[in-house]
Amino acid sequence: MGDTDDQTPEPAPAANRPGLRHVAFQVNDVRGVVERIQEAGWQTVGEVVNYEDTFLLCYVRGPEGLIVELAERLKGTTG
């Protein structure tokens, strides 16, 4: 009864919490960047995913809990 489930998601921060919660960067090789930042001790939030055959996306938890989105535009797409 007193046990906590490690899979319990963190509660979402309040909408009016000061500071940034999410930033995004377009990169040329999302898998390569993810590999390097994991070596530096950052944790991914999920896996690299293909978003509508337009982008490869991955989220990582950076300093102070900031979520960093990495996006690689797939070849042959415009935008």
N, C-alpha and C. Protein backbone atom coordinates (compact mmCIF):
# COMPACT_ATOMS: atom_id res chain seq x y z
N MET A 1 0.81 -1.19 0.00
CA MET A 1 0.00 0.00 0.00
C MET A 1 0.86 1.25 0.00
N GLY A 2 1.98 1.25 0.69
CA GLY A 2 2.84 2.41 0.73
C GLY A 2 3.83 2.45 -0.41
N ASP A 3 3.85 1.41 -1.24
CA ASP A 3 4.81 1.36 -2.35
C ASP A 3 4.42 2.36 -3.42
N THR A 4 5.44 2.94 -4.07
CA THR A 4 5.18 3.83 -5.20
C THR A 4 5.59 3.12 -6.48
N ASP A 5 4.89 3.40 -7.53
CA ASP A 5 5.16 2.80 -8.83
C ASP A 5 6.17 3.67 -9.57
N ASP A 6 7.31 3.10 -9.97
CA ASP A 6 8.33 3.86 -10.69
C ASP A 6 7.83 4.36 -12.03
N GLN A 7 6.74 3.81 -12.54
CA GLN A 7 6.21 4.22 -13.83
C GLN A 7 5.23 5.38 -13.72
N THR A 8 4.96 5.85 -12.52
CA THR A 8 4.03 6.96 -12.34
C THR A 8 4.63 8.21 -12.96
N PRO A 9 3.91 8.84 -13.90
CA PRO A 9 4.46 10.04 -14.53
C PRO A 9 4.52 11.21 -13.56
N GLU A 10 5.48 12.09 -13.81
CA GLU A 10 5.59 13.29 -13.00
C GLU A 10 4.40 14.19 -13.29
N PRO A 11 3.89 14.87 -12.30
CA PRO A 11 2.80 15.80 -12.58
C PRO A 11 3.29 16.95 -13.46
N ALA A 12 2.42 17.42 -14.34
CA ALA A 12 2.79 18.53 -15.21
C ALA A 12 3.00 19.78 -14.37
N PRO A 13 4.03 20.57 -14.70
CA PRO A 13 4.24 21.80 -13.94
C PRO A 13 3.09 22.78 -14.19
N ALA A 14 2.88 23.66 -13.25
CA ALA A 14 1.84 24.66 -13.39
C ALA A 14 2.09 25.52 -14.62
N ALA A 15 1.03 25.90 -15.30
CA ALA A 15 1.15 26.70 -16.52
C ALA A 15 1.81 28.05 -16.26
N ASN A 16 1.66 28.56 -15.06
CA ASN A 16 2.23 29.87 -14.75
C ASN A 16 3.58 29.78 -14.05
N ARG A 17 4.20 28.61 -14.09
CA ARG A 17 5.53 28.42 -13.49
C ARG A 17 6.54 29.27 -14.24
N PRO A 18 7.35 30.05 -13.53
CA PRO A 18 8.34 30.88 -14.23
C PRO A 18 9.37 30.04 -14.96
N GLY A 19 9.87 30.56 -16.07
CA GLY A 19 10.95 29.91 -16.79
C GLY A 19 10.48 29.11 -17.99
N LEU A 20 11.44 28.51 -18.65
CA LEU A 20 11.18 27.69 -19.84
C LEU A 20 10.94 26.25 -19.44
N ARG A 21 10.09 25.56 -20.21
CA ARG A 21 9.88 24.13 -19.99
C ARG A 21 10.29 23.31 -21.21
N HIS A 22 10.39 23.95 -22.39
CA HIS A 22 10.61 23.19 -23.62
C HIS A 22 11.23 24.13 -24.65
N VAL A 23 12.32 23.68 -25.24
CA VAL A 23 12.93 24.38 -26.37
C VAL A 23 13.17 23.35 -27.46
N ALA A 24 13.27 23.79 -28.71
CA ALA A 24 13.47 22.87 -29.84
C ALA A 24 14.62 23.35 -30.70
N PHE A 25 15.37 22.39 -31.23
CA PHE A 25 16.47 22.68 -32.14
C PHE A 25 16.37 21.75 -33.34
N GLN A 26 16.58 22.30 -34.53
CA GLN A 26 16.68 21.47 -35.71
C GLN A 26 18.14 21.06 -35.86
N VAL A 27 18.36 19.75 -36.06
CA VAL A 27 19.71 19.20 -36.18
C VAL A 27 19.81 18.40 -37.47
N ASN A 28 21.02 18.13 -37.91
CA ASN A 28 21.22 17.37 -39.14
C ASN A 28 21.22 15.86 -38.92
N ASP A 29 21.53 15.40 -37.69
CA ASP A 29 21.62 13.97 -37.40
C ASP A 29 21.13 13.73 -35.99
N VAL A 30 19.81 13.55 -35.83
CA VAL A 30 19.23 13.44 -34.49
C VAL A 30 19.80 12.25 -33.74
N ARG A 31 19.99 11.12 -34.40
CA ARG A 31 20.52 9.94 -33.70
C ARG A 31 21.95 10.17 -33.21
N GLY A 32 22.76 10.84 -34.01
CA GLY A 32 24.12 11.16 -33.59
C GLY A 32 24.15 12.11 -32.41
N VAL A 33 23.28 13.12 -32.44
CA VAL A 33 23.21 14.07 -31.32
C VAL A 33 22.74 13.35 -30.06
N VAL A 34 21.72 12.51 -30.17
CA VAL A 34 21.21 11.76 -29.02
C VAL A 34 22.32 10.90 -28.42
N GLU A 35 23.08 10.23 -29.26
CA GLU A 35 24.18 9.39 -28.76
C GLU A 35 25.18 10.23 -27.97
N ARG A 36 25.55 11.39 -28.49
CA ARG A 36 26.53 12.24 -27.80
C ARG A 36 25.99 12.78 -26.48
N ILE A 37 24.74 13.19 -26.46
CA ILE A 37 24.23 13.76 -25.20
C ILE A 37 23.98 12.68 -24.15
N GLN A 38 23.66 11.46 -24.59
CA GLN A 38 23.53 10.37 -23.63
C GLN A 38 24.89 10.07 -22.99
N GLU A 39 25.94 10.14 -23.79
CA GLU A 39 27.29 9.95 -23.26
C GLU A 39 27.63 11.03 -22.23
N ALA A 40 27.02 12.21 -22.39
CA ALA A 40 27.27 13.32 -21.46
C ALA A 40 26.37 13.24 -20.23
N GLY A 41 25.48 12.23 -20.17
CA GLY A 41 24.66 12.04 -18.98
C GLY A 41 23.22 12.52 -19.08
N TRP A 42 22.81 13.05 -20.21
CA TRP A 42 21.42 13.48 -20.38
C TRP A 42 20.56 12.25 -20.63
N GLN A 43 19.30 12.31 -20.21
CA GLN A 43 18.37 11.21 -20.38
C GLN A 43 17.37 11.53 -21.49
N THR A 44 17.07 10.55 -22.33
CA THR A 44 16.02 10.76 -23.33
C THR A 44 14.66 10.61 -22.67
N VAL A 45 13.69 11.29 -23.23
CA VAL A 45 12.29 11.17 -22.80
C VAL A 45 11.61 10.44 -23.95
N GLY A 46 11.55 9.13 -23.89
CA GLY A 46 11.04 8.34 -25.00
C GLY A 46 12.17 8.02 -25.97
N GLU A 47 11.77 7.67 -27.19
CA GLU A 47 12.72 7.25 -28.21
C GLU A 47 12.67 8.19 -29.40
N VAL A 48 13.59 8.00 -30.34
CA VAL A 48 13.54 8.74 -31.60
C VAL A 48 12.32 8.23 -32.36
N VAL A 49 11.48 9.15 -32.82
CA VAL A 49 10.26 8.77 -33.54
C VAL A 49 10.21 9.48 -34.89
N ASN A 50 9.55 8.84 -35.84
CA ASN A 50 9.31 9.42 -37.16
C ASN A 50 7.95 10.10 -37.12
N TYR A 51 7.95 11.42 -37.29
CA TYR A 51 6.71 12.18 -37.27
C TYR A 51 6.25 12.44 -38.69
N GLU A 52 5.24 11.71 -39.11
CA GLU A 52 4.58 11.89 -40.41
C GLU A 52 5.55 11.91 -41.59
N ASP A 53 6.61 11.12 -41.51
CA ASP A 53 7.63 11.05 -42.56
C ASP A 53 8.19 12.42 -42.93
N THR A 54 8.15 13.34 -41.97
CA THR A 54 8.68 14.68 -42.18
C THR A 54 9.87 14.96 -41.29
N PHE A 55 9.78 14.55 -40.03
CA PHE A 55 10.85 14.79 -39.07
C PHE A 55 11.14 13.53 -38.27
N LEU A 56 12.40 13.35 -37.87
CA LEU A 56 12.75 12.46 -36.79
C LEU A 56 12.82 13.34 -35.56
N LEU A 57 12.14 12.94 -34.50
CA LEU A 57 12.08 13.74 -33.28
C LEU A 57 12.56 12.93 -32.09
N CYS A 58 13.18 13.61 -31.16
CA CYS A 58 13.53 13.01 -29.89
C CYS A 58 13.55 14.11 -28.84
N TYR A 59 13.09 13.77 -27.66
CA TYR A 59 13.10 14.70 -26.54
C TYR A 59 14.09 14.21 -25.51
N VAL A 60 14.82 15.15 -24.94
CA VAL A 60 15.77 14.81 -23.88
C VAL A 60 15.54 15.76 -22.71
N ARG A 61 15.87 15.27 -21.53
CA ARG A 61 15.75 16.11 -20.34
C ARG A 61 17.12 16.72 -20.08
N GLY A 62 17.18 18.02 -20.19
CA GLY A 62 18.43 18.74 -20.02
C GLY A 62 18.58 19.31 -18.63
N PRO A 63 19.43 20.32 -18.51
CA PRO A 63 19.69 20.93 -17.21
C PRO A 63 18.42 21.43 -16.55
N GLU A 64 18.34 21.23 -15.24
CA GLU A 64 17.23 21.69 -14.41
C GLU A 64 15.88 21.20 -14.92
N GLY A 65 15.86 20.04 -15.58
CA GLY A 65 14.60 19.46 -16.02
C GLY A 65 14.04 20.02 -17.32
N LEU A 66 14.74 20.95 -17.95
CA LEU A 66 14.28 21.53 -19.20
C LEU A 66 14.18 20.45 -20.27
N ILE A 67 13.06 20.39 -20.97
CA ILE A 67 12.88 19.43 -22.05
C ILE A 67 13.42 20.05 -23.33
N VAL A 68 14.31 19.34 -24.00
CA VAL A 68 14.91 19.80 -25.25
C VAL A 68 14.43 18.86 -26.35
N GLU A 69 13.78 19.44 -27.36
CA GLU A 69 13.31 18.68 -28.52
C GLU A 69 14.35 18.79 -29.62
N LEU A 70 14.71 17.67 -30.19
CA LEU A 70 15.63 17.63 -31.32
C LEU A 70 14.86 17.17 -32.54
N ALA A 71 14.98 17.90 -33.64
CA ALA A 71 14.22 17.60 -34.84
C ALA A 71 15.14 17.56 -36.04
N GLU A 72 15.06 16.47 -36.80
CA GLU A 72 15.81 16.32 -38.04
C GLU A 72 14.81 16.23 -39.18
N ARG A 73 14.86 17.21 -40.09
CA ARG A 73 13.96 17.16 -41.25
C ARG A 73 14.44 16.04 -42.17
N LEU A 74 13.51 15.19 -42.57
CA LEU A 74 13.86 14.08 -43.44
C LEU A 74 14.07 14.56 -44.87
N LYS A 75 14.98 13.93 -45.56
CA LYS A 75 15.28 14.32 -46.95
C LYS A 75 14.04 14.20 -47.82
N GLY A 76 13.92 15.13 -48.74
CA GLY A 76 12.78 15.12 -49.66
C GLY A 76 11.56 15.84 -49.14
N THR A 77 11.63 16.39 -47.90
CA THR A 77 10.50 17.15 -47.38
C THR A 77 10.84 18.63 -47.40
N THR A 78 9.85 19.46 -47.49
CA THR A 78 10.05 20.90 -47.52
C THR A 78 9.30 21.53 -46.38
N GLY A 79 9.66 22.77 -46.09
CA GLY A 79 8.91 23.44 -45.04
C GLY A 79 9.63 24.54 -44.41
